[in-house]
Amino acid sequence: MDVQIEALRAAATQLKSVLGLSISPVGVRFVFHPEPLTDQAKQLKQHRYCQALMRARHGEKSGAFAAENPSQAPQAATQATCACGSGGPVMRIIVDGQEREVVALPLIFENYKEEGKPAVESTANELLEMVKVYNPILPEAENAYQQVLLREYASFLARGA
């Protein structure tokens, strides 16, 4: 198995070089039940394929994306469109006195709640990194976003949403 992984890494390096990619290529494996998940994999709930790819792109090495029916995922009234043709919920927040629309924030909050993540500083760091997967955030705005995300997540948890 290690030989296969090394061969994949070499191929990825070559692909990155040939195509002039700034990031490494990633992949997501679909697991159809009753096939069991490995110890290295976790089921991503309420994720579309493009979302799983973005998580992998940002270094998450969980391994598998367990298929589910994304049409059953809860949707907010306001949707953002995705290159895959799906829509995702958005949430409006106020950052530095300006209203900002944050794609996928309701789903991110729900996933963090399911994982039992508390509204603390380390979670704020993680929230910011996850939000940046779906939303462009200027480096100089990151601290302001981080404070607002933590406050909004604490409010989300308090509401029992």
N, C-alpha and C. Protein backbone atom coordinates (compact mmCIF):
# COMPACT_ATOMS: atom_id res chain seq x y z
N MET A 1 0.82 -1.20 0.00
CA MET A 1 0.00 0.00 0.00
C MET A 1 0.86 1.26 0.00
N ASP A 2 1.97 1.28 0.76
CA ASP A 2 2.85 2.45 0.79
C ASP A 2 3.41 2.77 -0.58
N VAL A 3 3.66 1.71 -1.39
CA VAL A 3 4.18 1.92 -2.74
C VAL A 3 3.14 2.66 -3.58
N GLN A 4 1.86 2.29 -3.43
CA GLN A 4 0.79 2.96 -4.16
C GLN A 4 0.68 4.43 -3.75
N ILE A 5 0.79 4.69 -2.46
CA ILE A 5 0.68 6.06 -1.97
C ILE A 5 1.83 6.90 -2.50
N GLU A 6 3.04 6.34 -2.47
CA GLU A 6 4.20 7.06 -2.98
C GLU A 6 4.06 7.32 -4.49
N ALA A 7 3.52 6.35 -5.21
CA ALA A 7 3.30 6.53 -6.65
C ALA A 7 2.27 7.63 -6.91
N LEU A 8 1.22 7.67 -6.09
CA LEU A 8 0.21 8.72 -6.22
C LEU A 8 0.80 10.10 -5.90
N ARG A 9 1.62 10.16 -4.87
CA ARG A 9 2.26 11.43 -4.53
C ARG A 9 3.17 11.92 -5.66
N ALA A 10 3.92 11.00 -6.25
CA ALA A 10 4.80 11.37 -7.37
C ALA A 10 3.98 11.86 -8.56
N ALA A 11 2.89 11.15 -8.85
CA ALA A 11 2.03 11.55 -9.96
C ALA A 11 1.39 12.91 -9.68
N ALA A 12 0.99 13.15 -8.43
CA ALA A 12 0.40 14.44 -8.07
C ALA A 12 1.40 15.57 -8.23
N THR A 13 2.64 15.32 -7.83
CA THR A 13 3.69 16.33 -7.97
C THR A 13 3.92 16.66 -9.44
N GLN A 14 3.95 15.62 -10.27
CA GLN A 14 4.16 15.83 -11.71
C GLN A 14 2.97 16.58 -12.32
N LEU A 15 1.76 16.19 -11.96
CA LEU A 15 0.56 16.85 -12.46
C LEU A 15 0.56 18.33 -12.06
N LYS A 16 0.90 18.60 -10.83
CA LYS A 16 0.96 19.98 -10.33
C LYS A 16 1.96 20.81 -11.14
N SER A 17 3.11 20.19 -11.44
CA SER A 17 4.15 20.88 -12.20
C SER A 17 3.73 21.11 -13.65
N VAL A 18 3.22 20.08 -14.29
CA VAL A 18 2.85 20.16 -15.70
C VAL A 18 1.72 21.17 -15.93
N LEU A 19 0.73 21.18 -15.03
CA LEU A 19 -0.42 22.07 -15.20
C LEU A 19 -0.21 23.44 -14.55
N GLY A 20 0.90 23.59 -13.84
CA GLY A 20 1.17 24.86 -13.17
C GLY A 20 0.20 25.16 -12.05
N LEU A 21 -0.21 24.12 -11.34
CA LEU A 21 -1.17 24.29 -10.24
C LEU A 21 -0.46 24.87 -9.01
N SER A 22 -1.17 25.71 -8.28
CA SER A 22 -0.60 26.26 -7.05
C SER A 22 -0.87 25.36 -5.85
N ILE A 23 -1.83 24.46 -5.99
CA ILE A 23 -2.15 23.51 -4.92
C ILE A 23 -2.11 22.10 -5.48
N SER A 24 -1.97 21.14 -4.60
CA SER A 24 -1.92 19.75 -5.04
C SER A 24 -3.32 19.26 -5.42
N PRO A 25 -3.40 18.34 -6.38
CA PRO A 25 -4.70 17.76 -6.71
C PRO A 25 -5.19 16.90 -5.54
N VAL A 26 -6.49 16.84 -5.37
CA VAL A 26 -7.07 16.05 -4.29
C VAL A 26 -8.17 15.17 -4.85
N GLY A 27 -8.58 14.22 -4.06
CA GLY A 27 -9.67 13.33 -4.45
C GLY A 27 -10.53 12.99 -3.25
N VAL A 28 -11.74 12.58 -3.51
CA VAL A 28 -12.67 12.18 -2.48
C VAL A 28 -13.20 10.81 -2.86
N ARG A 29 -13.25 9.91 -1.91
CA ARG A 29 -13.76 8.56 -2.15
C ARG A 29 -15.17 8.46 -1.61
N PHE A 30 -16.09 7.99 -2.45
CA PHE A 30 -17.46 7.75 -2.00
C PHE A 30 -17.54 6.36 -1.40
N VAL A 31 -18.18 6.25 -0.26
CA VAL A 31 -18.38 4.97 0.42
C VAL A 31 -19.87 4.72 0.45
N PHE A 32 -20.28 3.62 -0.12
CA PHE A 32 -21.70 3.29 -0.13
C PHE A 32 -21.95 2.21 0.91
N HIS A 33 -22.92 2.46 1.75
CA HIS A 33 -23.24 1.50 2.80
C HIS A 33 -23.76 0.23 2.16
N PRO A 34 -23.46 -0.96 2.69
CA PRO A 34 -22.96 -1.27 4.02
C PRO A 34 -21.43 -1.34 4.14
N GLU A 35 -20.71 -0.86 3.16
CA GLU A 35 -19.26 -0.87 3.27
C GLU A 35 -18.83 -0.05 4.48
N PRO A 36 -18.03 -0.63 5.39
CA PRO A 36 -17.66 0.11 6.60
C PRO A 36 -16.59 1.17 6.29
N LEU A 37 -16.63 2.22 7.08
CA LEU A 37 -15.60 3.26 6.97
C LEU A 37 -14.35 2.76 7.68
N THR A 38 -13.20 3.16 7.19
CA THR A 38 -11.95 2.79 7.84
C THR A 38 -11.74 3.68 9.06
N ASP A 39 -10.76 3.35 9.88
CA ASP A 39 -10.43 4.16 11.05
C ASP A 39 -9.99 5.56 10.66
N GLN A 40 -9.43 5.71 9.45
CA GLN A 40 -8.91 7.00 9.01
C GLN A 40 -9.98 7.88 8.37
N ALA A 41 -11.15 7.33 8.15
CA ALA A 41 -12.19 8.06 7.44
C ALA A 41 -13.31 8.44 8.38
N LYS A 42 -13.95 9.56 8.08
CA LYS A 42 -15.13 9.94 8.82
C LYS A 42 -16.21 10.32 7.83
N GLN A 43 -17.43 10.11 8.22
CA GLN A 43 -18.54 10.46 7.35
C GLN A 43 -18.76 11.96 7.41
N LEU A 44 -18.82 12.58 6.27
CA LEU A 44 -19.12 14.00 6.19
C LEU A 44 -20.62 14.13 5.94
N LYS A 45 -21.32 14.69 6.89
CA LYS A 45 -22.76 14.83 6.77
C LYS A 45 -23.10 16.18 6.17
N GLN A 46 -24.15 16.20 5.39
CA GLN A 46 -24.67 17.41 4.76
C GLN A 46 -23.59 18.12 3.94
N HIS A 47 -22.80 17.35 3.24
CA HIS A 47 -21.77 17.90 2.36
C HIS A 47 -22.07 17.48 0.93
N ARG A 48 -21.82 18.35 0.02
CA ARG A 48 -21.87 18.01 -1.38
C ARG A 48 -20.46 17.65 -1.82
N TYR A 49 -20.34 17.09 -2.97
CA TYR A 49 -19.04 16.64 -3.48
C TYR A 49 -18.02 17.78 -3.50
N CYS A 50 -18.45 18.94 -3.99
CA CYS A 50 -17.52 20.08 -4.07
C CYS A 50 -17.06 20.51 -2.69
N GLN A 51 -17.94 20.41 -1.68
CA GLN A 51 -17.54 20.76 -0.32
C GLN A 51 -16.50 19.79 0.22
N ALA A 52 -16.67 18.50 -0.06
CA ALA A 52 -15.69 17.51 0.38
C ALA A 52 -14.34 17.76 -0.29
N LEU A 53 -14.38 18.11 -1.57
CA LEU A 53 -13.13 18.43 -2.26
C LEU A 53 -12.44 19.63 -1.64
N MET A 54 -13.20 20.65 -1.28
CA MET A 54 -12.59 21.83 -0.67
C MET A 54 -11.99 21.50 0.68
N ARG A 55 -12.64 20.62 1.46
CA ARG A 55 -12.06 20.23 2.75
C ARG A 55 -10.74 19.48 2.52
N ALA A 56 -10.72 18.61 1.53
CA ALA A 56 -9.48 17.88 1.22
C ALA A 56 -8.41 18.85 0.75
N ARG A 57 -8.80 19.81 -0.04
CA ARG A 57 -7.84 20.81 -0.54
C ARG A 57 -7.17 21.56 0.59
N HIS A 58 -7.89 21.76 1.67
CA HIS A 58 -7.35 22.49 2.81
C HIS A 58 -6.72 21.55 3.84
N GLY A 59 -6.37 20.34 3.40
CA GLY A 59 -5.55 19.47 4.23
C GLY A 59 -6.27 18.45 5.08
N GLU A 60 -7.59 18.38 5.02
CA GLU A 60 -8.27 17.38 5.81
C GLU A 60 -8.03 16.01 5.19
N LYS A 61 -7.50 15.10 5.95
CA LYS A 61 -7.13 13.79 5.43
C LYS A 61 -8.01 12.70 6.02
N SER A 62 -9.30 12.94 6.05
CA SER A 62 -10.20 11.99 6.67
C SER A 62 -10.47 10.78 5.81
N GLY A 63 -10.25 10.85 4.52
CA GLY A 63 -10.33 9.68 3.67
C GLY A 63 -11.61 9.51 2.89
N ALA A 64 -12.75 9.36 3.53
CA ALA A 64 -13.96 8.98 2.80
C ALA A 64 -15.07 10.01 2.95
N PHE A 65 -15.89 10.04 1.94
CA PHE A 65 -17.08 10.89 1.92
C PHE A 65 -18.23 9.91 1.79
N ALA A 66 -18.97 9.71 2.86
CA ALA A 66 -20.06 8.75 2.82
C ALA A 66 -21.25 9.39 2.12
N ALA A 67 -21.71 8.74 1.10
CA ALA A 67 -22.78 9.31 0.28
C ALA A 67 -24.07 9.38 1.05
N GLU A 68 -24.76 10.45 0.87
CA GLU A 68 -26.10 10.62 1.41
C GLU A 68 -26.86 11.47 0.41
N ASN A 69 -28.11 11.63 0.64
CA ASN A 69 -28.93 12.40 -0.29
C ASN A 69 -28.84 13.87 0.07
N PRO A 70 -28.03 14.67 -0.68
CA PRO A 70 -27.88 16.08 -0.32
C PRO A 70 -29.16 16.88 -0.45
N SER A 71 -30.14 16.36 -1.18
CA SER A 71 -31.38 17.11 -1.32
C SER A 71 -32.16 17.10 -0.01
N GLN A 72 -31.82 16.21 0.94
CA GLN A 72 -32.49 16.17 2.22
C GLN A 72 -31.83 17.07 3.25
N ALA A 73 -30.69 17.66 2.91
CA ALA A 73 -30.00 18.54 3.84
C ALA A 73 -30.84 19.79 4.06
N PRO A 74 -30.87 20.29 5.29
CA PRO A 74 -31.64 21.51 5.53
C PRO A 74 -31.06 22.67 4.74
N GLN A 75 -31.92 23.49 4.20
CA GLN A 75 -31.49 24.61 3.39
C GLN A 75 -32.05 25.90 3.97
N ALA A 76 -31.24 26.92 3.98
CA ALA A 76 -31.69 28.25 4.39
C ALA A 76 -32.49 28.85 3.25
N ALA A 77 -33.22 29.90 3.57
CA ALA A 77 -34.03 30.54 2.55
C ALA A 77 -33.17 31.18 1.47
N THR A 78 -31.98 31.64 1.85
CA THR A 78 -31.09 32.27 0.90
C THR A 78 -30.04 31.26 0.47
N GLN A 79 -29.84 31.14 -0.84
CA GLN A 79 -28.92 30.14 -1.38
C GLN A 79 -27.80 30.80 -2.15
N ALA A 80 -26.65 30.16 -2.13
CA ALA A 80 -25.54 30.56 -3.00
C ALA A 80 -25.38 29.45 -4.02
N THR A 81 -24.98 29.78 -5.21
CA THR A 81 -24.80 28.75 -6.22
C THR A 81 -23.36 28.25 -6.20
N CYS A 82 -23.20 27.05 -6.69
CA CYS A 82 -21.89 26.39 -6.70
C CYS A 82 -21.60 25.91 -8.12
N ALA A 83 -20.34 25.73 -8.42
CA ALA A 83 -19.97 25.26 -9.75
C ALA A 83 -20.57 23.90 -10.07
N CYS A 84 -20.88 23.12 -9.03
CA CYS A 84 -21.45 21.80 -9.28
C CYS A 84 -22.94 21.88 -9.58
N GLY A 85 -23.51 23.08 -9.52
CA GLY A 85 -24.93 23.23 -9.85
C GLY A 85 -25.84 23.19 -8.64
N SER A 86 -25.28 22.97 -7.47
CA SER A 86 -26.09 22.91 -6.26
C SER A 86 -26.15 24.28 -5.61
N GLY A 87 -26.98 24.41 -4.65
CA GLY A 87 -27.06 25.64 -3.87
C GLY A 87 -26.68 25.35 -2.44
N GLY A 88 -26.21 26.35 -1.74
CA GLY A 88 -25.85 26.17 -0.35
C GLY A 88 -26.37 27.33 0.46
N PRO A 89 -26.68 27.09 1.72
CA PRO A 89 -27.20 28.16 2.56
C PRO A 89 -26.14 29.22 2.85
N VAL A 90 -26.59 30.42 3.02
CA VAL A 90 -25.71 31.52 3.38
C VAL A 90 -26.24 32.17 4.65
N MET A 91 -25.36 32.90 5.31
CA MET A 91 -25.75 33.64 6.51
C MET A 91 -25.15 35.04 6.38
N ARG A 92 -25.92 36.04 6.76
CA ARG A 92 -25.43 37.41 6.72
C ARG A 92 -24.92 37.79 8.11
N ILE A 93 -23.71 38.34 8.15
CA ILE A 93 -23.12 38.79 9.40
C ILE A 93 -22.59 40.21 9.20
N ILE A 94 -22.40 40.92 10.29
CA ILE A 94 -21.85 42.28 10.24
C ILE A 94 -20.38 42.21 10.66
N VAL A 95 -19.49 42.60 9.74
CA VAL A 95 -18.05 42.62 10.00
C VAL A 95 -17.56 44.04 9.76
N ASP A 96 -16.95 44.61 10.77
CA ASP A 96 -16.45 45.99 10.68
C ASP A 96 -17.53 46.95 10.16
N GLY A 97 -18.75 46.76 10.66
CA GLY A 97 -19.84 47.67 10.31
C GLY A 97 -20.48 47.44 8.96
N GLN A 98 -20.03 46.40 8.23
CA GLN A 98 -20.61 46.12 6.91
C GLN A 98 -21.21 44.72 6.89
N GLU A 99 -22.39 44.62 6.26
CA GLU A 99 -23.03 43.32 6.14
C GLU A 99 -22.28 42.47 5.12
N ARG A 100 -21.98 41.24 5.50
CA ARG A 100 -21.29 40.29 4.63
C ARG A 100 -22.12 39.01 4.53
N GLU A 101 -22.17 38.46 3.34
CA GLU A 101 -22.85 37.19 3.12
C GLU A 101 -21.80 36.09 3.16
N VAL A 102 -21.99 35.12 4.06
CA VAL A 102 -21.01 34.04 4.25
C VAL A 102 -21.64 32.73 3.78
N VAL A 103 -21.08 32.19 2.70
CA VAL A 103 -21.58 30.95 2.12
C VAL A 103 -21.24 29.78 3.04
N ALA A 104 -22.21 28.90 3.23
CA ALA A 104 -22.08 27.64 3.96
C ALA A 104 -21.98 27.80 5.48
N LEU A 105 -22.09 28.99 6.01
CA LEU A 105 -21.93 29.18 7.46
C LEU A 105 -22.96 28.41 8.28
N PRO A 106 -24.25 28.35 7.88
CA PRO A 106 -25.19 27.54 8.66
C PRO A 106 -24.78 26.06 8.74
N LEU A 107 -24.29 25.51 7.64
CA LEU A 107 -23.85 24.11 7.65
C LEU A 107 -22.58 23.92 8.48
N ILE A 108 -21.68 24.88 8.40
CA ILE A 108 -20.45 24.80 9.20
C ILE A 108 -20.81 24.82 10.68
N PHE A 109 -21.68 25.73 11.09
CA PHE A 109 -22.11 25.79 12.49
C PHE A 109 -22.76 24.48 12.92
N GLU A 110 -23.62 23.94 12.07
CA GLU A 110 -24.30 22.67 12.41
C GLU A 110 -23.29 21.53 12.56
N ASN A 111 -22.34 21.45 11.66
CA ASN A 111 -21.32 20.40 11.75
C ASN A 111 -20.48 20.55 13.00
N TYR A 112 -20.09 21.77 13.34
CA TYR A 112 -19.30 22.00 14.56
C TYR A 112 -20.10 21.63 15.80
N LYS A 113 -21.38 21.96 15.79
CA LYS A 113 -22.25 21.60 16.92
C LYS A 113 -22.32 20.08 17.07
N GLU A 114 -22.52 19.37 15.95
CA GLU A 114 -22.57 17.91 15.98
C GLU A 114 -21.27 17.30 16.50
N GLU A 115 -20.15 17.96 16.20
CA GLU A 115 -18.85 17.48 16.66
C GLU A 115 -18.57 17.89 18.10
N GLY A 116 -19.48 18.66 18.71
CA GLY A 116 -19.34 19.06 20.11
C GLY A 116 -18.30 20.13 20.34
N LYS A 117 -18.03 20.94 19.34
CA LYS A 117 -17.01 21.98 19.48
C LYS A 117 -17.58 23.17 20.26
N PRO A 118 -16.88 23.58 21.32
CA PRO A 118 -17.36 24.72 22.11
C PRO A 118 -17.03 26.05 21.45
N ALA A 119 -17.67 27.10 21.90
CA ALA A 119 -17.42 28.45 21.37
C ALA A 119 -16.25 29.05 22.15
N VAL A 120 -15.04 28.64 21.78
CA VAL A 120 -13.80 29.11 22.41
C VAL A 120 -12.84 29.56 21.32
N GLU A 121 -11.74 30.20 21.74
CA GLU A 121 -10.78 30.79 20.80
C GLU A 121 -10.26 29.79 19.76
N SER A 122 -9.93 28.56 20.20
CA SER A 122 -9.41 27.58 19.23
C SER A 122 -10.46 27.22 18.19
N THR A 123 -11.71 27.19 18.59
CA THR A 123 -12.79 26.94 17.63
C THR A 123 -12.92 28.12 16.67
N ALA A 124 -12.69 29.33 17.16
CA ALA A 124 -12.76 30.51 16.29
C ALA A 124 -11.72 30.41 15.18
N ASN A 125 -10.53 29.93 15.51
CA ASN A 125 -9.48 29.73 14.50
C ASN A 125 -9.94 28.73 13.45
N GLU A 126 -10.50 27.62 13.90
CA GLU A 126 -10.99 26.58 12.98
C GLU A 126 -12.14 27.11 12.12
N LEU A 127 -13.05 27.85 12.74
CA LEU A 127 -14.17 28.41 11.99
C LEU A 127 -13.68 29.31 10.87
N LEU A 128 -12.73 30.16 11.18
CA LEU A 128 -12.20 31.06 10.17
C LEU A 128 -11.60 30.27 9.01
N GLU A 129 -10.82 29.26 9.31
CA GLU A 129 -10.19 28.46 8.25
C GLU A 129 -11.24 27.76 7.40
N MET A 130 -12.30 27.24 8.03
CA MET A 130 -13.36 26.56 7.28
C MET A 130 -14.15 27.55 6.44
N VAL A 131 -14.44 28.71 6.99
CA VAL A 131 -15.18 29.73 6.23
C VAL A 131 -14.37 30.17 5.02
N LYS A 132 -13.06 30.24 5.16
CA LYS A 132 -12.20 30.64 4.04
C LYS A 132 -12.20 29.61 2.91
N VAL A 133 -12.64 28.38 3.20
CA VAL A 133 -12.76 27.37 2.14
C VAL A 133 -13.79 27.82 1.11
N TYR A 134 -14.86 28.46 1.56
CA TYR A 134 -15.97 28.82 0.69
C TYR A 134 -16.09 30.31 0.39
N ASN A 135 -15.32 31.13 1.12
CA ASN A 135 -15.47 32.57 1.02
C ASN A 135 -14.12 33.26 0.96
N PRO A 136 -13.95 34.21 0.05
CA PRO A 136 -12.70 34.96 0.04
C PRO A 136 -12.68 35.96 1.20
N ILE A 137 -11.63 35.91 2.01
CA ILE A 137 -11.48 36.84 3.13
C ILE A 137 -10.09 37.43 3.05
N LEU A 138 -10.03 38.75 3.00
CA LEU A 138 -8.74 39.42 2.95
C LEU A 138 -7.98 39.20 4.25
N PRO A 139 -6.67 39.01 4.17
CA PRO A 139 -5.87 38.78 5.39
C PRO A 139 -6.08 39.86 6.46
N GLU A 140 -6.21 41.10 6.03
CA GLU A 140 -6.38 42.18 7.01
C GLU A 140 -7.75 42.16 7.68
N ALA A 141 -8.70 41.39 7.17
CA ALA A 141 -10.03 41.28 7.77
C ALA A 141 -10.20 40.03 8.62
N GLU A 142 -9.20 39.17 8.64
CA GLU A 142 -9.33 37.88 9.33
C GLU A 142 -9.64 38.02 10.81
N ASN A 143 -8.98 38.93 11.52
CA ASN A 143 -9.24 39.08 12.96
C ASN A 143 -10.68 39.51 13.22
N ALA A 144 -11.17 40.44 12.44
CA ALA A 144 -12.55 40.89 12.61
C ALA A 144 -13.53 39.75 12.33
N TYR A 145 -13.29 39.01 11.24
CA TYR A 145 -14.14 37.85 10.93
C TYR A 145 -14.11 36.83 12.06
N GLN A 146 -12.93 36.57 12.58
CA GLN A 146 -12.78 35.56 13.63
C GLN A 146 -13.61 35.93 14.86
N GLN A 147 -13.58 37.18 15.26
CA GLN A 147 -14.37 37.63 16.42
C GLN A 147 -15.86 37.49 16.15
N VAL A 148 -16.29 37.89 14.97
CA VAL A 148 -17.71 37.80 14.63
C VAL A 148 -18.15 36.34 14.52
N LEU A 149 -17.34 35.51 13.90
CA LEU A 149 -17.70 34.09 13.76
C LEU A 149 -17.85 33.43 15.13
N LEU A 150 -16.96 33.74 16.05
CA LEU A 150 -17.05 33.16 17.39
C LEU A 150 -18.31 33.63 18.09
N ARG A 151 -18.60 34.92 17.99
CA ARG A 151 -19.81 35.46 18.62
C ARG A 151 -21.07 34.83 18.02
N GLU A 152 -21.11 34.73 16.68
CA GLU A 152 -22.27 34.14 16.00
C GLU A 152 -22.42 32.65 16.33
N TYR A 153 -21.30 31.94 16.44
CA TYR A 153 -21.36 30.51 16.78
C TYR A 153 -21.87 30.34 18.21
N ALA A 154 -21.41 31.18 19.13
CA ALA A 154 -21.89 31.12 20.52
C ALA A 154 -23.39 31.38 20.57
N SER A 155 -23.86 32.34 19.78
CA SER A 155 -25.28 32.64 19.70
C SER A 155 -26.07 31.46 19.12
N PHE A 156 -25.50 30.84 18.08
CA PHE A 156 -26.10 29.66 17.45
C PHE A 156 -26.26 28.54 18.48
N LEU A 157 -25.21 28.30 19.26
CA LEU A 157 -25.27 27.25 20.29
C LEU A 157 -26.29 27.60 21.38
N ALA A 158 -26.35 28.87 21.79
CA ALA A 158 -27.28 29.29 22.82
C ALA A 158 -28.73 29.14 22.38
N ARG A 159 -28.99 29.35 21.09
CA ARG A 159 -30.36 29.19 20.56
C ARG A 159 -30.76 27.73 20.48
N GLY A 160 -29.78 26.83 20.55
CA GLY A 160 -30.08 25.41 20.40
C GLY A 160 -30.50 25.07 18.99
N ALA A 161 -30.05 25.87 18.04
CA ALA A 161 -30.41 25.69 16.62
C ALA A 161 -30.01 24.35 16.08
